[in-house]
Amino acid sequence: MTDTPRFDPRVPLLLVLSVTTGLVDAASVLGLGKVFTANMTGNIVFLGFAAAGTPGFAWPLFVAALLSFLVGALVGGRTGRAHVGRPERRWLLTAAAIETALLWIAAVLAIGMGRNSPESAALFAIIALTGLAMGFRNATIRQMKVADLTTTVLTLTLTGLAADSTAAGGGNPNWTRRIAAVVAIFVGACVGAALLLHVGLAAPLALAGALVLGGTLACTAHPAANGAVKA
């Protein structure tokens, strides 16, 4: 008799976090000068456009996003290593508290701001705060090592859907998880864009923070979330 696979509460958590990626990137691309604060690949490409003198692409914004993301990832990596051997619940709650605080501070600064906000100290502060949050998040997710759920980048996810499909001679591993990840970021982007257009820049950032905190609390409350953090 085949054992029933054990439910992993981290999977729905990471799907919720994928939704927040769409929310944050919708806010940053549409409201912060075409800058990505969750997807660094886009920033490298846009920085190249700016270096070539393409109108509408301001290099300081992309540099600010990249640097803040790297600092966030550094702090996230140190935080994760400091929790090795300790209960995973504590680590995830600590990470969620930090990420949520950064996103909510950014949301407060964004109150009253909308699309095409002019470059200002507040604009750079919001980019830095969301970049820090997403860098910290990515370092945390990297240490969690949950297959096919990075919460931010979908290139390899989409590649896996096609390359590992039965049409390509594969076994379709984790296909439901991969499709769910794509849908989650798509939904987050749609909701984030709608909130930005009809409510303001603060709304998608505030919602992203709430989802991070709520999703993590739900995950860590599950009995299966009782392991220790691994190196």
C-alpha atoms as a PDB file:
ATOM      1  CA  MET A   1       0.000   0.000   0.000  1.00  0.00           C
ATOM      2  CA  THR A   2       1.421   3.378  -1.035  1.00  0.00           C
ATOM      3  CA  ASP A   3       1.802   5.959   1.703  1.00  0.00           C
ATOM      4  CA  THR A   4      -0.086   9.199   1.224  1.00  0.00           C
ATOM      5  CA  PRO A   5       2.375  12.045   0.570  1.00  0.00           C
ATOM      6  CA  ARG A   6       2.794  14.247   3.614  1.00  0.00           C
ATOM      7  CA  PHE A   7       1.243  17.690   3.266  1.00  0.00           C
ATOM      8  CA  ASP A   8       3.843  20.435   3.169  1.00  0.00           C
ATOM      9  CA  PRO A   9       2.357  23.734   4.468  1.00  0.00           C
ATOM     10  CA  ARG A  10       5.254  25.613   2.896  1.00  0.00           C
ATOM     11  CA  VAL A  11       3.815  24.989  -0.586  1.00  0.00           C
ATOM     12  CA  PRO A  12       0.648  27.099  -0.139  1.00  0.00           C
ATOM     13  CA  LEU A  13       2.748  29.692   1.718  1.00  0.00           C
ATOM     14  CA  LEU A  14       5.095  30.036  -1.243  1.00  0.00           C
ATOM     15  CA  LEU A  15       2.144  30.343  -3.609  1.00  0.00           C
ATOM     16  CA  VAL A  16       0.793  33.184  -1.463  1.00  0.00           C
ATOM     17  CA  LEU A  17       4.225  34.799  -1.561  1.00  0.00           C
ATOM     18  CA  SER A  18       4.194  34.420  -5.342  1.00  0.00           C
ATOM     19  CA  VAL A  19       1.001  36.482  -5.396  1.00  0.00           C
ATOM     20  CA  THR A  20       2.808  39.188  -3.435  1.00  0.00           C
ATOM     21  CA  THR A  21       5.575  39.242  -6.049  1.00  0.00           C
ATOM     22  CA  GLY A  22       2.987  40.244  -8.640  1.00  0.00           C
ATOM     23  CA  LEU A  23       1.647  42.904  -6.281  1.00  0.00           C
ATOM     24  CA  VAL A  24       5.070  44.396  -5.566  1.00  0.00           C
ATOM     25  CA  ASP A  25       6.231  44.397  -9.176  1.00  0.00           C
ATOM     26  CA  ALA A  26       2.945  45.923 -10.312  1.00  0.00           C
ATOM     27  CA  ALA A  27       3.474  48.714  -7.789  1.00  0.00           C
ATOM     28  CA  SER A  28       7.112  49.256  -8.707  1.00  0.00           C
ATOM     29  CA  VAL A  29       6.884  49.017 -12.504  1.00  0.00           C
ATOM     30  CA  LEU A  30       3.711  51.074 -12.814  1.00  0.00           C
ATOM     31  CA  GLY A  31       4.286  53.501  -9.959  1.00  0.00           C
ATOM     32  CA  LEU A  32       8.019  53.788  -9.364  1.00  0.00           C
ATOM     33  CA  GLY A  33       9.444  54.589 -12.772  1.00  0.00           C
ATOM     34  CA  LYS A  34       9.472  51.221 -14.572  1.00  0.00           C
ATOM     35  CA  VAL A  35      11.698  49.628 -11.946  1.00  0.00           C
ATOM     36  CA  PHE A  36      11.338  46.052 -10.742  1.00  0.00           C
ATOM     37  CA  THR A  37      11.873  45.524  -7.032  1.00  0.00           C
ATOM     38  CA  ALA A  38      11.109  41.788  -7.037  1.00  0.00           C
ATOM     39  CA  ASN A  39      12.478  40.677 -10.413  1.00  0.00           C
ATOM     40  CA  MET A  40      16.123  41.644 -10.762  1.00  0.00           C
ATOM     41  CA  THR A  41      16.469  40.248 -14.294  1.00  0.00           C
ATOM     42  CA  GLY A  42      14.177  43.005 -15.498  1.00  0.00           C
ATOM     43  CA  ASN A  43      16.330  45.620 -13.776  1.00  0.00           C
ATOM     44  CA  ILE A  44      19.502  44.402 -15.479  1.00  0.00           C
ATOM     45  CA  VAL A  45      17.748  44.614 -18.860  1.00  0.00           C
ATOM     46  CA  PHE A  46      16.315  48.062 -18.104  1.00  0.00           C
ATOM     47  CA  LEU A  47      19.702  49.241 -16.843  1.00  0.00           C
ATOM     48  CA  GLY A  48      21.099  48.224 -20.218  1.00  0.00           C
ATOM     49  CA  PHE A  49      18.390  50.278 -21.918  1.00  0.00           C
ATOM     50  CA  ALA A  50      19.278  53.258 -19.724  1.00  0.00           C
ATOM     51  CA  ALA A  51      22.992  52.843 -20.482  1.00  0.00           C
ATOM     52  CA  ALA A  52      22.161  53.067 -24.180  1.00  0.00           C
ATOM     53  CA  GLY A  53      20.329  56.348 -23.588  1.00  0.00           C
ATOM     54  CA  THR A  54      16.821  55.011 -24.163  1.00  0.00           C
ATOM     55  CA  PRO A  55      14.231  57.647 -23.099  1.00  0.00           C
ATOM     56  CA  GLY A  56      12.080  56.770 -20.104  1.00  0.00           C
ATOM     57  CA  PHE A  57      14.635  54.585 -18.312  1.00  0.00           C
ATOM     58  CA  ALA A  58      16.419  56.257 -15.379  1.00  0.00           C
ATOM     59  CA  TRP A  59      19.538  54.332 -14.327  1.00  0.00           C
ATOM     60  CA  PRO A  60      19.611  55.565 -10.686  1.00  0.00           C
ATOM     61  CA  LEU A  61      16.291  53.794 -10.021  1.00  0.00           C
ATOM     62  CA  PHE A  62      17.593  50.439 -11.259  1.00  0.00           C
ATOM     63  CA  VAL A  63      20.860  50.781  -9.373  1.00  0.00           C
ATOM     64  CA  ALA A  64      18.929  51.599  -6.184  1.00  0.00           C
ATOM     65  CA  ALA A  65      16.740  48.522  -6.648  1.00  0.00           C
ATOM     66  CA  LEU A  66      19.696  46.228  -7.351  1.00  0.00           C
ATOM     67  CA  LEU A  67      21.767  47.449  -4.418  1.00  0.00           C
ATOM     68  CA  SER A  68      18.895  47.280  -1.933  1.00  0.00           C
ATOM     69  CA  PHE A  69      17.994  43.787  -3.166  1.00  0.00           C
ATOM     70  CA  LEU A  70      21.581  42.615  -2.640  1.00  0.00           C
ATOM     71  CA  VAL A  71      21.680  44.070   0.871  1.00  0.00           C
ATOM     72  CA  GLY A  72      18.358  42.402   1.677  1.00  0.00           C
ATOM     73  CA  ALA A  73      19.634  39.075   0.359  1.00  0.00           C
ATOM     74  CA  LEU A  74      22.800  39.396   2.438  1.00  0.00           C
ATOM     75  CA  VAL A  75      20.820  40.058   5.621  1.00  0.00           C
ATOM     76  CA  GLY A  76      18.372  37.286   4.737  1.00  0.00           C
ATOM     77  CA  GLY A  77      21.224  34.821   4.236  1.00  0.00           C
ATOM     78  CA  ARG A  78      22.765  35.667   7.591  1.00  0.00           C
ATOM     79  CA  THR A  79      19.370  35.440   9.281  1.00  0.00           C
ATOM     80  CA  GLY A  80      18.710  32.014   7.804  1.00  0.00           C
ATOM     81  CA  ARG A  81      22.123  30.686   8.845  1.00  0.00           C
ATOM     82  CA  ALA A  82      21.649  32.057  12.342  1.00  0.00           C
ATOM     83  CA  HIS A  83      18.519  29.912  12.639  1.00  0.00           C
ATOM     84  CA  VAL A  84      20.079  26.621  11.480  1.00  0.00           C
ATOM     85  CA  GLY A  85      19.080  23.875  13.899  1.00  0.00           C
ATOM     86  CA  ARG A  86      16.360  26.017  15.442  1.00  0.00           C
ATOM     87  CA  PRO A  87      12.603  25.574  14.884  1.00  0.00           C
ATOM     88  CA  GLU A  88      11.586  26.504  11.368  1.00  0.00           C
ATOM     89  CA  ARG A  89       8.498  28.274  12.733  1.00  0.00           C
ATOM     90  CA  ARG A  90      10.677  30.869  14.479  1.00  0.00           C
ATOM     91  CA  TRP A  91      12.738  31.481  11.346  1.00  0.00           C
ATOM     92  CA  LEU A  92       9.723  31.879   9.057  1.00  0.00           C
ATOM     93  CA  LEU A  93       7.940  34.184  11.489  1.00  0.00           C
ATOM     94  CA  THR A  94      11.061  36.309  11.882  1.00  0.00           C
ATOM     95  CA  ALA A  95      11.437  36.541   8.104  1.00  0.00           C
ATOM     96  CA  ALA A  96       7.757  37.405   7.672  1.00  0.00           C
ATOM     97  CA  ALA A  97       7.903  40.105  10.356  1.00  0.00           C
ATOM     98  CA  ILE A  98      10.905  41.746   8.688  1.00  0.00           C
ATOM     99  CA  GLU A  99       9.438  41.576   5.189  1.00  0.00           C
ATOM    100  CA  THR A 100       6.024  42.786   6.300  1.00  0.00           C
ATOM    101  CA  ALA A 101       7.494  45.705   8.236  1.00  0.00           C
ATOM    102  CA  LEU A 102       9.505  46.825   5.198  1.00  0.00           C
ATOM    103  CA  LEU A 103       6.494  46.593   2.891  1.00  0.00           C
ATOM    104  CA  TRP A 104       4.178  48.412   5.293  1.00  0.00           C
ATOM    105  CA  ILE A 105       6.681  51.225   5.856  1.00  0.00           C
ATOM    106  CA  ALA A 106       6.926  51.532   2.069  1.00  0.00           C
ATOM    107  CA  ALA A 107       3.119  51.623   1.886  1.00  0.00           C
ATOM    108  CA  VAL A 108       2.966  54.444   4.421  1.00  0.00           C
ATOM    109  CA  LEU A 109       5.489  56.454   2.405  1.00  0.00           C
ATOM    110  CA  ALA A 110       3.465  55.757  -0.744  1.00  0.00           C
ATOM    111  CA  ILE A 111       0.217  57.214   0.590  1.00  0.00           C
ATOM    112  CA  GLY A 112      -1.001  59.819  -1.849  1.00  0.00           C
ATOM    113  CA  MET A 113       1.343  58.676  -4.617  1.00  0.00           C
ATOM    114  CA  GLY A 114       0.055  57.177  -7.849  1.00  0.00           C
ATOM    115  CA  ARG A 115       1.300  56.341 -11.314  1.00  0.00           C
ATOM    116  CA  ASN A 116       4.342  58.052 -12.817  1.00  0.00           C
ATOM    117  CA  SER A 117       5.477  59.510  -9.508  1.00  0.00           C
ATOM    118  CA  PRO A 118       8.344  62.000 -10.001  1.00  0.00           C
ATOM    119  CA  GLU A 119      11.792  61.119  -8.708  1.00  0.00           C
ATOM    120  CA  SER A 120      12.052  62.127  -5.064  1.00  0.00           C
ATOM    121  CA  ALA A 121      13.494  60.995  -1.762  1.00  0.00           C
ATOM    122  CA  ALA A 122      10.231  59.151  -1.038  1.00  0.00           C
ATOM    123  CA  LEU A 123      10.404  57.347  -4.374  1.00  0.00           C
ATOM    124  CA  PHE A 124      13.946  56.115  -3.728  1.00  0.00           C
ATOM    125  CA  ALA A 125      13.009  55.148  -0.161  1.00  0.00           C
ATOM    126  CA  ILE A 126      10.106  53.004  -1.404  1.00  0.00           C
ATOM    127  CA  ILE A 127      12.354  51.344  -3.984  1.00  0.00           C
ATOM    128  CA  ALA A 128      14.963  50.649  -1.297  1.00  0.00           C
ATOM    129  CA  LEU A 129      12.432  49.278   1.204  1.00  0.00           C
ATOM    130  CA  THR A 130      10.724  46.962  -1.283  1.00  0.00           C
ATOM    131  CA  GLY A 131      14.084  45.908  -2.729  1.00  0.00           C
ATOM    132  CA  LEU A 132      15.318  45.033   0.764  1.00  0.00           C
ATOM    133  CA  ALA A 133      12.133  43.056   1.424  1.00  0.00           C
ATOM    134  CA  MET A 134      12.378  41.084  -1.810  1.00  0.00           C
ATOM    135  CA  GLY A 135      16.097  40.409  -1.411  1.00  0.00           C
ATOM    136  CA  PHE A 136      15.492  39.141   2.110  1.00  0.00           C
ATOM    137  CA  ARG A 137      12.608  37.014   0.811  1.00  0.00           C
ATOM    138  CA  ASN A 138      14.660  35.457  -1.969  1.00  0.00           C
ATOM    139  CA  ALA A 139      17.469  34.502   0.403  1.00  0.00           C
ATOM    140  CA  THR A 140      14.926  32.872   2.714  1.00  0.00           C
ATOM    141  CA  ILE A 141      13.201  30.961  -0.098  1.00  0.00           C
ATOM    142  CA  ARG A 142      16.561  29.807  -1.439  1.00  0.00           C
ATOM    143  CA  GLN A 143      17.384  28.192   1.901  1.00  0.00           C
ATOM    144  CA  MET A 144      13.945  26.552   2.129  1.00  0.00           C
ATOM    145  CA  LYS A 145      14.725  24.522  -1.023  1.00  0.00           C
ATOM    146  CA  VAL A 146      11.134  23.823  -2.066  1.00  0.00           C
ATOM    147  CA  ALA A 147      11.259  22.586  -5.664  1.00  0.00           C
ATOM    148  CA  ASP A 148       9.695  24.725  -8.419  1.00  0.00           C
ATOM    149  CA  LEU A 149       8.562  27.505  -6.072  1.00  0.00           C
ATOM    150  CA  THR A 150      10.988  30.424  -6.143  1.00  0.00           C
ATOM    151  CA  THR A 151       8.110  32.960  -5.680  1.00  0.00           C
ATOM    152  CA  THR A 152       9.743  35.414  -8.109  1.00  0.00           C
ATOM    153  CA  VAL A 153      11.329  34.054 -11.318  1.00  0.00           C
ATOM    154  CA  LEU A 154       9.225  31.969 -13.709  1.00  0.00           C
ATOM    155  CA  THR A 155      11.673  31.314 -16.558  1.00  0.00           C
ATOM    156  CA  LEU A 156      12.809  27.911 -15.270  1.00  0.00           C
ATOM    157  CA  THR A 157       9.275  27.098 -14.118  1.00  0.00           C
ATOM    158  CA  LEU A 158       7.883  27.610 -17.616  1.00  0.00           C
ATOM    159  CA  THR A 159      10.850  25.783 -19.130  1.00  0.00           C
ATOM    160  CA  GLY A 160      10.189  22.827 -16.844  1.00  0.00           C
ATOM    161  CA  LEU A 161       6.521  22.719 -17.785  1.00  0.00           C
ATOM    162  CA  ALA A 162       7.446  22.259 -21.438  1.00  0.00           C
ATOM    163  CA  ALA A 163      10.746  20.367 -21.205  1.00  0.00           C
ATOM    164  CA  ASP A 164       9.483  17.861 -18.601  1.00  0.00           C
ATOM    165  CA  SER A 165       6.048  17.367 -20.195  1.00  0.00           C
ATOM    166  CA  THR A 166       4.842  14.052 -21.591  1.00  0.00           C
ATOM    167  CA  ALA A 167       5.023  15.624 -25.053  1.00  0.00           C
ATOM    168  CA  ALA A 168       8.776  16.034 -24.503  1.00  0.00           C
ATOM    169  CA  GLY A 169       9.100  12.507 -23.122  1.00  0.00           C
ATOM    170  CA  GLY A 170       9.114  13.561 -19.470  1.00  0.00           C
ATOM    171  CA  GLY A 171       6.978  12.655 -16.503  1.00  0.00           C
ATOM    172  CA  ASN A 172       5.363  16.051 -15.784  1.00  0.00           C
ATOM    173  CA  PRO A 173       6.904  16.388 -12.279  1.00  0.00           C
ATOM    174  CA  ASN A 174       5.280  19.027 -10.060  1.00  0.00           C
ATOM    175  CA  TRP A 175       3.165  20.273 -12.971  1.00  0.00           C
ATOM    176  CA  THR A 176       0.317  21.436 -10.733  1.00  0.00           C
ATOM    177  CA  ARG A 177       2.773  23.343  -8.527  1.00  0.00           C
ATOM    178  CA  ARG A 178       4.424  24.937 -11.550  1.00  0.00           C
ATOM    179  CA  ILE A 179       1.138  26.038 -13.086  1.00  0.00           C
ATOM    180  CA  ALA A 180      -0.061  27.343  -9.719  1.00  0.00           C
ATOM    181  CA  ALA A 181       3.120  29.447  -9.414  1.00  0.00           C
ATOM    182  CA  VAL A 182       2.511  31.036 -12.816  1.00  0.00           C
ATOM    183  CA  VAL A 183      -1.133  31.726 -12.002  1.00  0.00           C
ATOM    184  CA  ALA A 184      -0.231  33.172  -8.583  1.00  0.00           C
ATOM    185  CA  ILE A 185       2.148  35.793  -9.984  1.00  0.00           C
ATOM    186  CA  PHE A 186      -0.305  36.583 -12.805  1.00  0.00           C
ATOM    187  CA  VAL A 187      -3.139  37.130 -10.322  1.00  0.00           C
ATOM    188  CA  GLY A 188      -0.920  39.241  -8.086  1.00  0.00           C
ATOM    189  CA  ALA A 189       0.088  41.435 -11.027  1.00  0.00           C
ATOM    190  CA  CYS A 190      -3.546  41.893 -12.098  1.00  0.00           C
ATOM    191  CA  VAL A 191      -4.725  42.763  -8.606  1.00  0.00           C
ATOM    192  CA  GLY A 192      -1.718  45.011  -8.001  1.00  0.00           C
ATOM    193  CA  ALA A 193      -2.287  46.939 -11.220  1.00  0.00           C
ATOM    194  CA  ALA A 194      -5.992  47.366 -10.460  1.00  0.00           C
ATOM    195  CA  LEU A 195      -5.268  48.612  -6.937  1.00  0.00           C
ATOM    196  CA  LEU A 196      -2.652  51.044  -8.203  1.00  0.00           C
ATOM    197  CA  LEU A 197      -4.937  52.425 -10.897  1.00  0.00           C
ATOM    198  CA  HIS A 198      -8.056  52.753  -8.752  1.00  0.00           C
ATOM    199  CA  VAL A 199      -6.765  53.217  -5.177  1.00  0.00           C
ATOM    200  CA  GLY A 200      -3.124  54.275  -5.209  1.00  0.00           C
ATOM    201  CA  LEU A 201       0.439  53.059  -4.865  1.00  0.00           C
ATOM    202  CA  ALA A 202       0.115  52.288  -1.160  1.00  0.00           C
ATOM    203  CA  ALA A 203      -2.658  49.720  -1.646  1.00  0.00           C
ATOM    204  CA  PRO A 204      -0.752  46.884  -3.385  1.00  0.00           C
ATOM    205  CA  LEU A 205       2.182  47.312  -1.009  1.00  0.00           C
ATOM    206  CA  ALA A 206      -0.072  47.181   2.053  1.00  0.00           C
ATOM    207  CA  LEU A 207      -1.877  44.102   0.717  1.00  0.00           C
ATOM    208  CA  ALA A 208       1.437  42.392  -0.062  1.00  0.00           C
ATOM    209  CA  GLY A 209       2.581  42.887   3.529  1.00  0.00           C
ATOM    210  CA  ALA A 210      -0.700  41.553   4.897  1.00  0.00           C
ATOM    211  CA  LEU A 211      -0.491  38.437   2.715  1.00  0.00           C
ATOM    212  CA  VAL A 212       3.108  37.762   3.759  1.00  0.00           C
ATOM    213  CA  LEU A 213       2.218  37.958   7.437  1.00  0.00           C
ATOM    214  CA  GLY A 214      -1.115  36.144   7.185  1.00  0.00           C
ATOM    215  CA  GLY A 215       0.243  33.377   4.963  1.00  0.00           C
ATOM    216  CA  THR A 216       3.200  32.772   7.255  1.00  0.00           C
ATOM    217  CA  LEU A 217       1.037  32.681  10.374  1.00  0.00           C
ATOM    218  CA  ALA A 218      -1.239  30.110   8.719  1.00  0.00           C
ATOM    219  CA  CYS A 219       1.733  28.023   7.593  1.00  0.00           C
ATOM    220  CA  THR A 220       3.478  27.995  10.960  1.00  0.00           C
ATOM    221  CA  ALA A 221       0.226  27.140  12.767  1.00  0.00           C
ATOM    222  CA  HIS A 222       0.004  23.850  10.856  1.00  0.00           C
ATOM    223  CA  PRO A 223       1.195  20.770  12.808  1.00  0.00           C
ATOM    224  CA  ALA A 224       3.435  19.721   9.918  1.00  0.00           C
ATOM    225  CA  ALA A 225       5.509  22.895  10.244  1.00  0.00           C
ATOM    226  CA  ASN A 226       7.551  21.568  13.151  1.00  0.00           C
ATOM    227  CA  GLY A 227      10.948  20.851  11.632  1.00  0.00           C
ATOM    228  CA  ALA A 228      14.294  22.460  12.255  1.00  0.00           C
ATOM    229  CA  VAL A 229      15.993  24.858   9.873  1.00  0.00           C
ATOM    230  CA  LYS A 230      18.557  23.102   7.670  1.00  0.00           C
ATOM    231  CA  ALA A 231      21.816  24.564   6.437  1.00  0.00           C
END
